Protein backbone atom coordinates (compact mmCIF):
# COMPACT_ATOMS: atom_id res chain seq x y z
CA MET A 1 -13.70 -22.29 -4.28
CA SER A 2 -10.57 -22.41 -6.96
CA LYS A 3 -7.65 -20.20 -6.39
CA LYS A 4 -8.40 -17.87 -9.12
CA ASN A 5 -11.92 -17.06 -7.12
CA GLN A 6 -9.98 -16.71 -3.86
CA LEU A 7 -7.27 -14.15 -5.00
CA VAL A 8 -9.93 -12.59 -6.70
CA LEU A 9 -12.05 -12.40 -3.82
CA LEU A 10 -9.04 -11.45 -1.77
CA ILE A 11 -8.36 -8.45 -4.15
CA PHE A 12 -12.26 -7.08 -4.05
CA LEU A 13 -12.29 -7.02 -0.52
CA ILE A 14 -8.99 -4.77 -0.15
CA LEU A 15 -10.11 -2.62 -2.75
CA ALA A 16 -13.44 -2.40 -1.33
CA ALA A 17 -12.05 -1.71 2.31
CA ASP A 18 -9.19 1.00 1.20
CA GLN A 19 -11.74 2.81 -0.95
CA CYS A 20 -14.56 3.05 0.99
CA LEU A 21 -12.52 4.66 4.03
CA LYS A 22 -11.16 7.01 1.84
CA CYS A 23 -14.37 8.01 0.94
CA TRP A 24 -15.63 8.24 4.36
CA VAL A 25 -13.00 10.21 5.31
CA LYS A 26 -12.57 12.58 2.59
CA LEU A 27 -16.48 13.01 2.59
CA TYR A 28 -17.22 13.33 6.37
CA HIS A 29 -13.70 14.78 7.95
CA PRO A 30 -11.64 18.16 6.79
CA THR A 31 -8.05 17.82 5.97
CA GLY A 32 -5.80 17.54 9.03
CA GLU A 33 -8.52 16.46 11.36
CA ILE A 34 -7.29 13.88 13.96
CA VAL A 35 -9.78 11.05 15.76
CA ARG A 36 -8.73 8.94 18.36
CA VAL A 37 -10.35 5.70 17.50
CA LEU A 38 -12.06 4.27 20.58
CA GLY A 39 -10.22 7.25 22.62
CA MET A 40 -6.77 5.50 22.53
CA ASP A 41 -3.83 7.43 21.73
CA TRP A 42 -1.70 4.90 19.86
CA PHE A 43 -4.42 4.85 16.93
CA ARG A 44 -5.62 7.27 15.05
CA LEU A 45 -7.33 8.70 11.91
CA HIS A 46 -5.09 11.67 10.74
CA PHE A 47 -6.78 12.77 7.11
CA ILE A 48 -4.38 13.84 4.91
CA GLU A 49 -3.64 13.66 1.18
CA ASN A 50 -0.28 12.97 -0.59
CA PRO A 51 0.23 14.18 -4.30
CA GLY A 52 2.75 11.45 -5.04
CA MET A 53 4.13 7.58 -4.08
CA ALA A 54 2.83 5.45 -0.80
CA TRP A 55 4.03 6.67 2.42
CA GLY A 56 3.72 10.06 1.35
CA TRP A 57 6.79 10.26 -1.14
CA LYS A 58 6.48 13.25 -3.81
CA PHE A 59 7.22 12.84 -7.58
CA GLY A 60 7.65 16.12 -8.94
CA ASN A 61 4.77 18.52 -10.28
CA GLU A 62 1.98 18.04 -12.74
CA THR A 63 3.86 16.37 -15.16
CA GLY A 64 5.26 13.89 -13.07
CA LYS A 65 2.15 13.43 -11.21
CA ALA A 66 1.06 12.11 -14.61
CA ILE A 67 4.26 10.39 -15.10
CA LEU A 68 3.82 8.51 -12.27
CA THR A 69 0.07 7.53 -12.35
CA LEU A 70 0.67 6.40 -16.15
CA PHE A 71 3.74 4.19 -14.62
CA ARG A 72 1.32 2.74 -11.69
CA LEU A 73 -1.66 2.39 -14.63
CA VAL A 74 0.94 0.58 -16.67
CA ALA A 75 2.22 -1.68 -13.56
CA VAL A 76 -1.04 -2.58 -12.84
CA VAL A 77 -2.46 -4.00 -16.18
CA VAL A 78 1.50 -6.01 -16.28
CA GLY A 79 0.41 -6.91 -12.83
CA THR A 80 -2.91 -8.63 -13.96
CA TRP A 81 -1.23 -10.47 -16.42
CA TYR A 82 1.24 -12.08 -14.28
CA LEU A 83 -1.52 -12.78 -11.67
CA GLY A 84 -3.01 -14.86 -14.35
CA LYS A 85 0.35 -16.29 -15.23
CA PHE A 86 0.94 -17.36 -11.70
CA ILE A 87 -2.08 -19.14 -11.09
CA ARG A 88 -1.55 -21.20 -14.57
CA GLU A 89 1.77 -22.32 -13.62
CA LYS A 90 0.13 -22.85 -10.26
CA TYR A 91 2.41 -20.82 -7.61
CA THR A 92 1.66 -21.81 -3.80
CA CYS A 93 -1.17 -20.15 -2.42
CA GLY A 94 1.18 -18.22 0.05
CA PHE A 95 2.79 -16.41 -3.14
CA LEU A 96 -0.65 -16.04 -4.56
CA ILE A 97 -1.73 -14.41 -1.25
CA CYS A 98 1.33 -11.68 -1.39
CA ALA A 99 1.10 -11.05 -4.82
CA GLY A 100 -2.25 -10.04 -4.63
CA LEU A 101 -1.78 -8.12 -1.65
CA ILE A 102 0.74 -6.05 -3.63
CA TYR A 103 -1.36 -6.15 -6.55
CA ALA A 104 -4.68 -4.70 -4.82
CA GLY A 105 -2.27 -2.10 -2.84
CA ALA A 106 -1.34 -0.73 -6.03
CA VAL A 107 -5.11 -0.59 -7.75
CA GLY A 108 -6.43 1.06 -4.69
CA ASN A 109 -3.55 4.12 -4.94
CA LEU A 110 -4.01 4.18 -8.68
CA ILE A 111 -7.72 4.86 -8.39
CA ASP A 112 -6.97 7.80 -6.26
CA SER A 113 -4.54 9.17 -8.66
CA LEU A 114 -6.67 8.36 -11.75
CA PHE A 115 -10.01 9.42 -10.62
CA TYR A 116 -10.18 11.80 -7.60
CA GLY A 117 -8.97 14.57 -9.25
CA ALA A 118 -12.11 14.27 -11.74
CA ILE A 119 -14.91 13.12 -8.83
CA PHE A 120 -13.88 15.46 -5.64
CA ASP A 121 -14.61 18.99 -5.72
CA LYS A 122 -11.82 19.56 -3.48
CA GLY A 123 -8.13 18.27 -2.82
CA LEU A 124 -4.44 18.63 -2.74
CA HIS A 125 -3.77 19.87 -5.81
CA TYR A 126 -0.73 21.78 -7.82
CA SER A 127 -0.48 25.81 -8.09
CA PRO A 128 1.73 26.91 -11.00
CA ILE A 129 2.23 29.78 -9.45
CA LEU A 130 3.63 28.98 -6.06
CA ASN A 131 5.31 26.05 -7.98
CA ASP A 132 3.74 23.65 -4.85
CA TYR A 133 0.74 21.61 -4.17
CA ILE A 134 -1.96 23.53 -2.07
CA GLY A 135 -3.99 22.58 0.20
CA TYR A 136 -7.97 23.35 1.10
CA THR A 137 -10.59 23.90 3.63
CA GLY A 138 -14.17 22.49 4.35
CA ILE A 139 -15.12 19.25 3.68
CA ALA A 140 -15.09 17.74 -0.09
CA GLN A 141 -17.87 16.14 -1.87
CA PHE A 142 -18.78 14.37 -5.06
CA SER A 143 -18.65 16.64 -8.26
CA THR A 144 -18.71 16.67 -11.90
CA ALA A 145 -16.44 19.62 -12.18
CA GLY A 146 -13.20 17.91 -10.17
CA TYR A 147 -10.80 20.11 -8.51
CA SER A 148 -8.23 18.72 -10.52
CA SER A 149 -8.30 16.08 -14.01
CA LEU A 150 -7.88 12.64 -15.01
CA LEU A 151 -4.03 11.30 -13.89
CA HIS A 152 -3.65 13.86 -11.31
CA GLY A 153 -5.80 13.52 -8.31
CA SER A 154 -4.27 12.90 -4.71
CA VAL A 155 -3.97 10.09 -2.74
CA VAL A 156 -6.38 9.55 0.64
CA ASP A 157 -4.01 8.66 3.28
CA MET A 158 -5.07 8.42 7.25
CA LEU A 159 -4.12 5.64 8.98
CA TYR A 160 -1.90 6.70 12.03
CA PHE A 161 -0.28 4.63 14.64
CA PRO A 162 2.18 6.84 17.13
CA ILE A 163 2.38 3.92 19.60
CA VAL A 164 5.34 5.32 21.68
CA GLN A 165 6.24 9.04 21.70
CA GLY A 166 8.71 10.29 23.93
CA ARG A 167 12.44 12.39 24.11
CA PHE A 168 15.71 11.01 23.33
CA PRO A 169 17.86 11.17 26.46
CA GLY A 170 19.93 13.93 26.69
CA TRP A 171 23.39 12.15 26.86
CA ILE A 172 22.52 10.63 23.27
CA PRO A 173 24.59 13.04 21.08
CA PHE A 174 23.26 14.88 17.98
CA ILE A 175 19.65 13.99 18.56
CA GLY A 176 19.49 14.14 23.07
CA ASP A 177 16.48 16.06 24.37
CA ASN A 178 15.09 15.87 20.79
CA ALA A 179 11.20 14.14 20.52
CA PHE A 180 10.72 10.49 18.60
CA GLU A 181 8.00 9.03 17.54
CA PHE A 182 7.27 5.45 16.65
CA PHE A 183 5.67 5.02 14.51
CA SER A 184 5.28 8.40 12.52
CA PRO A 185 4.08 8.23 8.79
CA ILE A 186 0.50 7.92 7.87
CA PHE A 187 -1.00 5.56 5.59
CA ASN A 188 -3.76 4.31 3.92
CA ILE A 189 -5.03 0.53 3.73
CA ALA A 190 -3.76 0.34 0.32
CA ASP A 191 0.08 0.96 1.46
CA ALA A 192 -0.68 -1.32 4.14
CA SER A 193 -1.53 -4.07 1.95
CA ILE A 194 1.73 -3.27 -0.41
CA SER A 195 4.01 -3.71 2.68
CA VAL A 196 2.74 -6.89 3.88
CA GLY A 197 3.02 -8.79 0.69
CA ILE A 198 6.49 -7.23 -0.04
CA VAL A 199 7.68 -7.83 3.96
CA ILE A 200 6.25 -11.87 4.09
CA LEU A 201 7.43 -12.24 0.88
CA PHE A 202 10.98 -11.05 1.54
CA LEU A 203 11.19 -13.20 4.82
CA PHE A 204 9.60 -16.20 3.18
CA GLN A 205 11.07 -16.11 0.06
CA GLN A 206 12.80 -19.44 -0.15
CA LYS A 207 9.22 -21.03 1.15
CA LEU A 208 6.95 -18.96 -0.88
CA ILE A 209 8.45 -18.40 -4.38
CA ARG A 210 7.90 -21.59 -6.10
CA LYS A 211 5.74 -24.00 -7.98
CA GLU A 212 3.41 -26.53 -6.11
CA SER A 213 5.21 -28.99 -8.32
CA GLN A 214 8.54 -27.78 -6.92
CA GLU A 215 9.61 -29.74 -3.63
CA LEU A 216 11.59 -27.98 -0.96
CA PRO A 217 14.59 -29.33 0.03
CA VAL A 218 14.68 -32.58 2.20
CA THR A 219 16.88 -31.71 4.97
CA GLY A 220 18.18 -34.19 8.06
CA THR A 221 17.57 -38.45 8.06
CA THR A 222 14.89 -40.22 5.92
CA ASN A 223 13.30 -43.68 6.32
CA SER A 224 13.99 -44.51 2.37
CA ASP A 225 16.61 -47.12 2.20
CA VAL A 226 20.19 -46.20 1.09
CA SER A 227 21.73 -48.43 -1.41
CA ASP A 228 25.50 -49.34 -0.08
CA GLN A 229 26.83 -47.17 -3.64
CA THR A 230 25.28 -44.50 -2.26
CA GLN A 231 26.68 -44.67 0.94
CA ILE A 232 29.96 -44.81 -0.46
CA LEU A 233 29.71 -41.89 -2.85
């Protein structure tokens, strides 16, 4: 299988997993519901929706939401061109995987923002009267009469890993006796895909961000013959 086909398959699998989980949670669970996966306290599904960026960040009102969605759309279009460029220029497989993870995550959240407001009857939406986003009760269904419109869908999050919970010791200034939790963010597969791709690129950028024709610097001794002139230099 060619690198192009492998990358397309990776992106497709991430998108399929992301969208299937989001639709399943939205169609079968009310917002705010918490489900312990296999009875584990540290791995839960906690269904929430957010109108903004990854990890629940917000970006203003309806206008800001539309701008964010359009920005995502432009980023995906540009990213598609760059992925093709990276493949043509024969970048390393590791770099292509990281780029594919970031791209798939961006597309996954773009689908929510772009279409969910138009295809589901219920969802987190903006109220001009309250000047804020408001939730809903009950369980959503597919509907041609959406809760909002194109560009204004809310992103579905559900993965929650409260691995460690407790309280800070009382002797610690300012935060003593306060509750703490690790890991508290609620996110989705698309968010995780973006984060993993970025972290791996950051940690191994010198090894990954190169073309296959480029050799890594050689360190240490070699078995090749060295001329007297080279040794003197």
